[in-house]
PDB file of N, CA and C in Angstrom:
ATOM      1  N   MET A   1     -98.587-136.674  99.836  1.00  0.00           N
ATOM      2  CA  MET A   1     -98.578-135.102  99.301  1.00  0.00           C
ATOM      3  C   MET A   1    -100.384-134.972  98.602  1.00  0.00           C
ATOM      4  N   GLY A   2    -100.903-133.942  98.489  1.00  0.00           N
ATOM      5  CA  GLY A   2    -102.081-133.600  98.218  1.00  0.00           C
ATOM      6  C   GLY A   2    -102.091-133.312  96.521  1.00  0.00           C
ATOM      7  N   THR A   3    -103.519-133.190  96.266  1.00  0.00           N
ATOM      8  CA  THR A   3    -103.140-132.962  94.762  1.00  0.00           C
ATOM      9  C   THR A   3    -104.281-131.952  94.341  1.00  0.00           C
ATOM     10  N   GLY A   4    -104.873-131.468  95.782  1.00  0.00           N
ATOM     11  CA  GLY A   4    -105.608-130.533  95.420  1.00  0.00           C
ATOM     12  C   GLY A   4    -106.173-129.335  94.697  1.00  0.00           C
ATOM     13  N   ARG A   5    -106.596-128.410  95.057  1.00  0.00           N
ATOM     14  CA  ARG A   5    -106.657-127.103  94.315  1.00  0.00           C
ATOM     15  C   ARG A   5    -105.845-126.213  94.705  1.00  0.00           C
ATOM     16  N   THR A   6    -105.145-126.209  95.738  1.00  0.00           N
ATOM     17  CA  THR A   6    -104.151-125.175  95.995  1.00  0.00           C
ATOM     18  C   THR A   6    -102.964-125.521  95.530  1.00  0.00           C
ATOM     19  N   LEU A   7    -102.631-126.454  95.466  1.00  0.00           N
ATOM     20  CA  LEU A   7    -101.271-127.022  94.745  1.00  0.00           C
ATOM     21  C   LEU A   7    -101.444-126.326  92.965  1.00  0.00           C
ATOM     22  N   ARG A   8    -102.636-126.601  92.524  1.00  0.00           N
ATOM     23  CA  ARG A   8    -102.848-126.268  90.948  1.00  0.00           C
ATOM     24  C   ARG A   8    -103.212-124.767  90.862  1.00  0.00           C
ATOM     25  N   LYS A   9    -102.937-124.150  91.777  1.00  0.00           N
ATOM     26  CA  LYS A   9    -103.153-122.508  91.607  1.00  0.00           C
ATOM     27  C   LYS A   9    -101.574-122.009  91.735  1.00  0.00           C
ATOM     28  N   GLU A  10    -101.078-121.702  90.859  1.00  0.00           N
ATOM     29  CA  GLU A  10     -99.576-121.668  91.153  1.00  0.00           C
ATOM     30  C   GLU A  10     -99.692-119.865  91.545  1.00  0.00           C
ATOM     31  N   SER A  11    -100.319-119.049  91.272  1.00  0.00           N
ATOM     32  CA  SER A  11    -100.049-118.084  92.210  1.00  0.00           C
ATOM     33  C   SER A  11    -100.147-117.640  93.781  1.00  0.00           C
ATOM     34  N   HIS A  12    -100.563-118.914  94.177  1.00  0.00           N
ATOM     35  CA  HIS A  12    -100.718-119.315  95.532  1.00  0.00           C
ATOM     36  C   HIS A  12     -99.627-120.138  96.129  1.00  0.00           C
ATOM     37  N   VAL A  13     -99.072-121.282  95.238  1.00  0.00           N
ATOM     38  CA  VAL A  13     -97.960-121.507  95.610  1.00  0.00           C
ATOM     39  C   VAL A  13     -96.596-121.039  95.794  1.00  0.00           C
ATOM     40  N   ARG A  14     -96.137-120.071  94.642  1.00  0.00           N
ATOM     41  CA  ARG A  14     -95.334-119.670  94.315  1.00  0.00           C
ATOM     42  C   ARG A  14     -95.676-118.054  94.073  1.00  0.00           C
ATOM     43  N   PRO A  15     -95.915-117.215  95.284  1.00  0.00           N
ATOM     44  CA  PRO A  15     -95.759-115.386  94.762  1.00  0.00           C
ATOM     45  C   PRO A  15     -94.553-115.103  93.995  1.00  0.00           C
ATOM     46  N   CYS A  16     -95.117-113.956  93.009  1.00  0.00           N
ATOM     47  CA  CYS A  16     -94.100-113.378  91.868  1.00  0.00           C
ATOM     48  C   CYS A  16     -93.271-112.488  93.070  1.00  0.00           C
ATOM     49  N   LYS A  17     -92.182-112.437  92.283  1.00  0.00           N
ATOM     50  CA  LYS A  17     -90.918-111.382  92.234  1.00  0.00           C
ATOM     51  C   LYS A  17     -91.629-109.720  92.522  1.00  0.00           C
ATOM     52  N   THR A  18     -91.290-109.223  93.523  1.00  0.00           N
ATOM     53  CA  THR A  18     -91.368-107.571  93.649  1.00  0.00           C
ATOM     54  C   THR A  18     -90.280-107.134  92.660  1.00  0.00           C
ATOM     55  N   PRO A  19     -90.405-106.103  92.404  1.00  0.00           N
ATOM     56  CA  PRO A  19     -89.073-104.915  92.182  1.00  0.00           C
ATOM     57  C   PRO A  19     -88.341-104.888  92.912  1.00  0.00           C
ATOM     58  N   ALA A  20     -88.775-104.757  94.391  1.00  0.00           N
ATOM     59  CA  ALA A  20     -87.755-104.373  95.475  1.00  0.00           C
ATOM     60  C   ALA A  20     -87.215-105.675  95.550  1.00  0.00           C
ATOM     61  N   GLY A  21     -87.700-107.008  95.439  1.00  0.00           N
ATOM     62  CA  GLY A  21     -86.998-107.893  95.992  1.00  0.00           C
ATOM     63  C   GLY A  21     -85.845-108.271  94.843  1.00  0.00           C
ATOM     64  N   LYS A  22     -86.127-108.102  93.495  1.00  0.00           N
ATOM     65  CA  LYS A  22     -84.839-108.273  92.180  1.00  0.00           C
ATOM     66  C   LYS A  22     -83.868-107.412  92.895  1.00  0.00           C
ATOM     67  N   ALA A  23     -84.361-105.942  92.802  1.00  0.00           N
ATOM     68  CA  ALA A  23     -82.953-105.133  92.917  1.00  0.00           C
ATOM     69  C   ALA A  23     -82.265-105.516  94.171  1.00  0.00           C
ATOM     70  N   ARG A  24     -82.607-105.882  95.564  1.00  0.00           N
ATOM     71  CA  ARG A  24     -81.792-106.242  96.511  1.00  0.00           C
ATOM     72  C   ARG A  24     -81.000-107.379  95.720  1.00  0.00           C
ATOM     73  N   LYS A  25     -81.531-108.084  95.345  1.00  0.00           N
ATOM     74  CA  LYS A  25     -80.869-109.698  94.863  1.00  0.00           C
ATOM     75  C   LYS A  25     -79.560-108.842  93.834  1.00  0.00           C
ATOM     76  N   ASN A  26     -79.907-108.049  93.056  1.00  0.00           N
ATOM     77  CA  ASN A  26     -79.376-107.614  91.749  1.00  0.00           C
ATOM     78  C   ASN A  26     -77.796-106.874  92.733  1.00  0.00           C
ATOM     79  N   ALA A  27     -78.416-105.992  93.847  1.00  0.00           N
ATOM     80  CA  ALA A  27     -77.252-105.308  94.290  1.00  0.00           C
ATOM     81  C   ALA A  27     -76.445-106.277  95.268  1.00  0.00           C
ATOM     82  N   ALA A  28     -77.233-107.295  95.816  1.00  0.00           N
ATOM     83  CA  ALA A  28     -76.451-108.618  96.298  1.00  0.00           C
ATOM     84  C   ALA A  28     -75.240-109.373  95.691  1.00  0.00           C
ATOM     85  N   GLN A  29     -75.638-109.374  94.200  1.00  0.00           N
ATOM     86  CA  GLN A  29     -75.165-110.099  93.122  1.00  0.00           C
ATOM     87  C   GLN A  29     -74.104-109.245  92.851  1.00  0.00           C
ATOM     88  N   ARG A  30     -73.882-107.910  93.020  1.00  0.00           N
ATOM     89  CA  ARG A  30     -73.074-106.957  92.390  1.00  0.00           C
ATOM     90  C   ARG A  30     -72.062-106.962  93.340  1.00  0.00           C
ATOM     91  N   ARG A  31     -72.245-107.041  94.767  1.00  0.00           N
ATOM     92  CA  ARG A  31     -71.612-107.066  95.759  1.00  0.00           C
ATOM     93  C   ARG A  31     -70.433-108.427  96.093  1.00  0.00           C
ATOM     94  N   ARG A  32     -71.386-109.129  95.534  1.00  0.00           N
ATOM     95  CA  ARG A  32     -70.496-110.145  95.593  1.00  0.00           C
ATOM     96  C   ARG A  32     -69.465-110.216  94.473  1.00  0.00           C
ATOM     97  N   LEU A  33     -69.616-109.709  93.626  1.00  0.00           N
ATOM     98  CA  LEU A  33     -68.701-109.720  92.186  1.00  0.00           C
ATOM     99  C   LEU A  33     -67.364-108.743  93.047  1.00  0.00           C
ATOM    100  N   VAL A  34     -67.735-107.714  93.744  1.00  0.00           N
ATOM    101  CA  VAL A  34     -66.684-106.747  94.218  1.00  0.00           C
ATOM    102  C   VAL A  34     -65.730-107.787  95.082  1.00  0.00           C
ATOM    103  N   LYS A  35     -66.352-108.509  95.793  1.00  0.00           N
ATOM    104  CA  LYS A  35     -65.665-109.131  96.733  1.00  0.00           C
ATOM    105  C   LYS A  35     -64.624-110.676  96.255  1.00  0.00           C
ATOM    106  N   PHE A  36     -65.365-110.832  94.886  1.00  0.00           N
ATOM    107  CA  PHE A  36     -64.509-111.445  94.146  1.00  0.00           C
ATOM    108  C   PHE A  36     -63.063-111.007  93.370  1.00  0.00           C
ATOM    109  N   GLY A  37     -63.281-109.449  93.804  1.00  0.00           N
ATOM    110  CA  GLY A  37     -61.829-108.757  93.145  1.00  0.00           C
ATOM    111  C   GLY A  37     -62.080-107.881  92.218  1.00  0.00           C
ATOM    112  N   MET A  38     -63.413-107.817  90.874  1.00  0.00           N
ATOM    113  CA  MET A  38     -63.518-107.046  90.440  1.00  0.00           C
ATOM    114  C   MET A  38     -64.205-105.851  90.547  1.00  0.00           C
ATOM    115  N   ALA A  39     -63.151-104.701  89.855  1.00  0.00           N
ATOM    116  CA  ALA A  39     -63.425-103.240  90.456  1.00  0.00           C
ATOM    117  C   ALA A  39     -64.551-102.857  90.029  1.00  0.00           C
ATOM    118  N   GLU A  40     -65.087-101.833  91.221  1.00  0.00           N
ATOM    119  CA  GLU A  40     -66.549-101.433  91.374  1.00  0.00           C
ATOM    120  C   GLU A  40     -67.048-100.923  89.991  1.00  0.00           C
ATOM    121  N   GLU A  41     -66.010-100.166  89.526  1.00  0.00           N
ATOM    122  CA  GLU A  41     -66.726 -99.211  88.138  1.00  0.00           C
ATOM    123  C   GLU A  41     -66.707-100.397  86.944  1.00  0.00           C
ATOM    124  N   ASP A  42     -66.255-101.255  86.887  1.00  0.00           N
ATOM    125  CA  ASP A  42     -66.416-102.410  86.163  1.00  0.00           C
ATOM    126  C   ASP A  42     -67.965-102.847  86.380  1.00  0.00           C
ATOM    127  N   VAL A  43     -67.800-103.006  87.432  1.00  0.00           N
ATOM    128  CA  VAL A  43     -68.952-103.920  87.722  1.00  0.00           C
ATOM    129  C   VAL A  43     -70.605-103.010  88.001  1.00  0.00           C
ATOM    130  N   LYS A  44     -70.581-101.662  87.797  1.00  0.00           N
ATOM    131  CA  LYS A  44     -71.307-100.899  87.674  1.00  0.00           C
ATOM    132  C   LYS A  44     -71.792-100.571  86.156  1.00  0.00           C
ATOM    133  N   LEU A  45     -70.986-100.814  85.413  1.00  0.00           N
ATOM    134  CA  LEU A  45     -71.314-100.665  83.791  1.00  0.00           C
ATOM    135  C   LEU A  45     -71.821-102.019  83.446  1.00  0.00           C
ATOM    136  N   MET A  46     -71.665-103.124  84.108  1.00  0.00           N
ATOM    137  CA  MET A  46     -72.319-104.118  83.418  1.00  0.00           C
ATOM    138  C   MET A  46     -73.925-104.097  83.930  1.00  0.00           C
ATOM    139  N   GLY A  47     -74.814-104.721  82.913  1.00  0.00           N
ATOM    140  CA  GLY A  47     -75.788-104.995  82.953  1.00  0.00           C
ATOM    141  C   GLY A  47     -76.371-106.389  83.836  1.00  0.00           C
ATOM    142  N   ASP A  48     -77.494-106.348  83.990  1.00  0.00           N
ATOM    143  CA  ASP A  48     -78.097-107.357  85.448  1.00  0.00           C
ATOM    144  C   ASP A  48     -77.823-108.972  84.595  1.00  0.00           C
ATOM    145  N   GLU A  49     -77.571-109.131  83.543  1.00  0.00           N
ATOM    146  CA  GLU A  49     -77.766-110.335  83.039  1.00  0.00           C
ATOM    147  C   GLU A  49     -76.275-110.731  82.954  1.00  0.00           C
ATOM    148  N   ALA A  50     -75.092-109.746  82.911  1.00  0.00           N
ATOM    149  CA  ALA A  50     -73.797-110.120  82.619  1.00  0.00           C
ATOM    150  C   ALA A  50     -73.467-110.650  83.829  1.00  0.00           C
ATOM    151  N   VAL A  51     -74.177-109.705  85.022  1.00  0.00           N
ATOM    152  CA  VAL A  51     -73.450-110.080  86.454  1.00  0.00           C
ATOM    153  C   VAL A  51     -73.980-111.111  86.806  1.00  0.00           C
ATOM    154  N   ARG A  52     -75.166-111.711  86.254  1.00  0.00           N
ATOM    155  CA  ARG A  52     -75.775-113.178  86.677  1.00  0.00           C
ATOM    156  C   ARG A  52     -75.134-114.002  86.125  1.00  0.00           C
ATOM    157  N   VAL A  53     -74.299-114.131  84.998  1.00  0.00           N
ATOM    158  CA  VAL A  53     -73.575-115.082  84.520  1.00  0.00           C
ATOM    159  C   VAL A  53     -72.383-115.012  85.378  1.00  0.00           C
ATOM    160  N   MET A  54     -71.718-113.717  85.185  1.00  0.00           N
ATOM    161  CA  MET A  54     -70.662-113.754  86.344  1.00  0.00           C
ATOM    162  C   MET A  54     -70.506-114.472  87.556  1.00  0.00           C
ATOM    163  N   VAL A  55     -71.508-114.289  88.287  1.00  0.00           N
ATOM    164  CA  VAL A  55     -71.785-114.667  89.750  1.00  0.00           C
ATOM    165  C   VAL A  55     -71.349-116.207  89.604  1.00  0.00           C
ATOM    166  N   GLN A  56     -72.153-116.977  88.692  1.00  0.00           N
ATOM    167  CA  GLN A  56     -72.588-118.334  88.435  1.00  0.00           C
ATOM    168  C   GLN A  56     -70.981-118.834  88.431  1.00  0.00           C
ATOM    169  N   ARG A  57     -70.361-118.315  88.285  1.00  0.00           N
ATOM    170  CA  ARG A  57     -68.401-118.677  87.965  1.00  0.00           C
ATOM    171  C   ARG A  57     -67.517-118.598  88.299  1.00  0.00           C
ATOM    172  N   PRO A  58     -67.590-118.213  89.911  1.00  0.00           N
ATOM    173  CA  PRO A  58     -66.874-117.616  90.544  1.00  0.00           C
ATOM    174  C   PRO A  58     -64.951-117.575  90.443  1.00  0.00           C
ATOM    175  N   THR A  59     -64.554-118.883  90.199  1.00  0.00           N
ATOM    176  CA  THR A  59     -63.449-119.225  89.866  1.00  0.00           C
ATOM    177  C   THR A  59     -62.898-118.457  88.411  1.00  0.00           C
ATOM    178  N   LEU A  60     -63.933-118.331  87.547  1.00  0.00           N
ATOM    179  CA  LEU A  60     -63.473-117.897  86.239  1.00  0.00           C
ATOM    180  C   LEU A  60     -63.261-116.227  86.301  1.00  0.00           C
ATOM    181  N   VAL A  61     -63.970-115.687  87.480  1.00  0.00           N
ATOM    182  CA  VAL A  61     -63.564-114.460  87.955  1.00  0.00           C
ATOM    183  C   VAL A  61     -62.322-113.978  88.421  1.00  0.00           C
ATOM    184  N   LYS A  62     -62.485-114.812  89.199  1.00  0.00           N
ATOM    185  CA  LYS A  62     -61.101-114.883  90.135  1.00  0.00           C
ATOM    186  C   LYS A  62     -59.907-114.898  89.108  1.00  0.00           C
ATOM    187  N   LYS A  63     -59.887-115.706  88.323  1.00  0.00           N
ATOM    188  CA  LYS A  63     -58.825-115.905  87.069  1.00  0.00           C
ATOM    189  C   LYS A  63     -59.160-114.699  85.936  1.00  0.00           C
ATOM    190  N   LEU A  64     -59.787-114.188  85.710  1.00  0.00           N
ATOM    191  CA  LEU A  64     -60.140-112.744  84.949  1.00  0.00           C
ATOM    192  C   LEU A  64     -59.438-111.672  85.446  1.00  0.00           C
ATOM    193  N   VAL A  65     -59.633-111.284  86.916  1.00  0.00           N
ATOM    194  CA  VAL A  65     -59.177-110.440  88.084  1.00  0.00           C
ATOM    195  C   VAL A  65     -57.547-110.596  87.990  1.00  0.00           C
ATOM    196  N   ALA A  66     -57.150-112.016  88.563  1.00  0.00           N
ATOM    197  CA  ALA A  66     -55.717-112.086  88.408  1.00  0.00           C
ATOM    198  C   ALA A  66     -55.092-111.783  87.218  1.00  0.00           C
ATOM    199  N   LYS A  67     -55.691-112.338  85.892  1.00  0.00           N
ATOM    200  CA  LYS A  67     -55.057-111.717  84.735  1.00  0.00           C
ATOM    201  C   LYS A  67     -54.847-110.319  84.552  1.00  0.00           C
ATOM    202  N   LYS A  68     -55.750-109.765  84.733  1.00  0.00           N
ATOM    203  CA  LYS A  68     -55.957-107.985  84.371  1.00  0.00           C
ATOM    204  C   LYS A  68     -54.994-107.790  85.462  1.00  0.00           C
ATOM    205  N   THR A  69     -54.652-107.866  86.705  1.00  0.00           N
ATOM    206  CA  THR A  69     -53.882-107.523  87.670  1.00  0.00           C
ATOM    207  C   THR A  69     -52.269-107.387  87.311  1.00  0.00           C
ATOM    208  N   ALA A  70     -52.335-108.872  86.432  1.00  0.00           N
ATOM    209  CA  ALA A  70     -50.698-109.200  86.244  1.00  0.00           C
ATOM    210  C   ALA A  70     -50.262-108.701  85.476  1.00  0.00           C
ATOM    211  N   LYS A  71     -51.074-107.505  84.129  1.00  0.00           N
ATOM    212  CA  LYS A  71     -50.849-107.161  83.105  1.00  0.00           C
ATOM    213  C   LYS A  71     -50.223-105.591  83.311  1.00  0.00           C
TER     214      LYS A  71
END
Protein backbone atom coordinates (compact mmCIF):
# COMPACT_ATOMS: atom_id res chain seq x y z
CA MET A 1 0.00 0.00 0.00
CA GLY A 2 1.41 3.32 -1.02
CA THR A 3 1.60 6.51 0.97
CA GLY A 4 1.98 8.87 -1.96
CA ARG A 5 0.29 12.10 -2.88
CA THR A 6 -2.81 10.40 -4.32
CA LEU A 7 -3.86 9.05 -0.94
CA ARG A 8 -3.31 12.37 0.85
CA LYS A 9 -5.57 14.28 -1.53
CA GLU A 10 -8.96 13.38 -0.11
CA SER A 11 -11.03 14.96 -2.85
CA HIS A 12 -9.49 12.51 -5.32
CA VAL A 13 -9.80 9.51 -3.02
CA ARG A 14 -13.44 9.94 -2.13
CA PRO A 15 -15.70 12.18 -4.21
CA CYS A 16 -18.34 14.47 -2.71
CA LYS A 17 -21.98 13.45 -2.65
CA THR A 18 -24.05 15.08 -5.31
CA PRO A 19 -27.50 16.45 -4.47
CA ALA A 20 -29.03 13.95 -6.92
CA GLY A 21 -27.27 11.05 -5.20
CA LYS A 22 -28.46 12.24 -1.81
CA ALA A 23 -32.05 12.53 -3.05
CA ARG A 24 -31.85 9.04 -4.56
CA LYS A 25 -30.63 7.63 -1.24
CA ASN A 26 -33.37 9.40 0.73
CA ALA A 27 -36.05 8.12 -1.66
CA ALA A 28 -34.72 4.57 -1.38
CA GLN A 29 -34.76 4.76 2.42
CA ARG A 30 -38.34 6.06 2.41
CA ARG A 31 -39.42 3.20 0.11
CA ARG A 32 -37.72 0.76 2.48
CA LEU A 33 -39.74 2.11 5.43
CA VAL A 34 -42.96 1.67 3.46
CA LYS A 35 -41.93 -1.95 2.76
CA PHE A 36 -41.44 -2.44 6.50
CA GLY A 37 -45.13 -1.61 6.90
CA MET A 38 -45.24 2.07 7.78
CA ALA A 39 -47.97 4.18 6.22
CA GLU A 40 -46.79 6.17 3.23
CA GLU A 41 -48.37 9.38 4.61
CA ASP A 42 -46.41 9.03 7.86
CA VAL A 43 -43.17 8.51 5.97
CA LYS A 44 -43.80 11.60 3.82
CA LEU A 45 -44.18 13.75 6.94
CA MET A 46 -40.91 12.53 8.46
CA GLY A 47 -37.66 14.43 7.98
CA ASP A 48 -34.59 12.93 6.36
CA GLU A 49 -32.78 12.46 9.68
CA ALA A 50 -35.74 10.63 11.23
CA VAL A 51 -36.00 8.36 8.20
CA ARG A 52 -32.30 7.56 8.44
CA VAL A 53 -32.63 6.61 12.12
CA MET A 54 -35.68 4.42 11.52
CA VAL A 55 -34.08 2.55 8.61
CA GLN A 56 -31.19 1.57 10.89
CA ARG A 57 -33.57 -0.37 13.18
CA PRO A 58 -36.00 -2.41 11.05
CA THR A 59 -37.14 -4.66 13.92
CA LEU A 60 -38.16 -1.60 15.93
CA VAL A 61 -40.13 -0.27 12.95
CA LYS A 62 -41.95 -3.58 12.54
CA LYS A 63 -42.81 -3.62 16.26
CA LEU A 64 -44.17 -0.07 16.08
CA VAL A 65 -46.26 -0.92 13.03
CA ALA A 66 -47.63 -4.06 14.70
CA LYS A 67 -48.47 -2.08 17.86
CA LYS A 68 -50.24 0.60 15.82
CA THR A 69 -52.32 -1.91 13.84
CA ALA A 70 -53.29 -3.77 17.02
CA LYS A 71 -55.05 -0.67 18.39
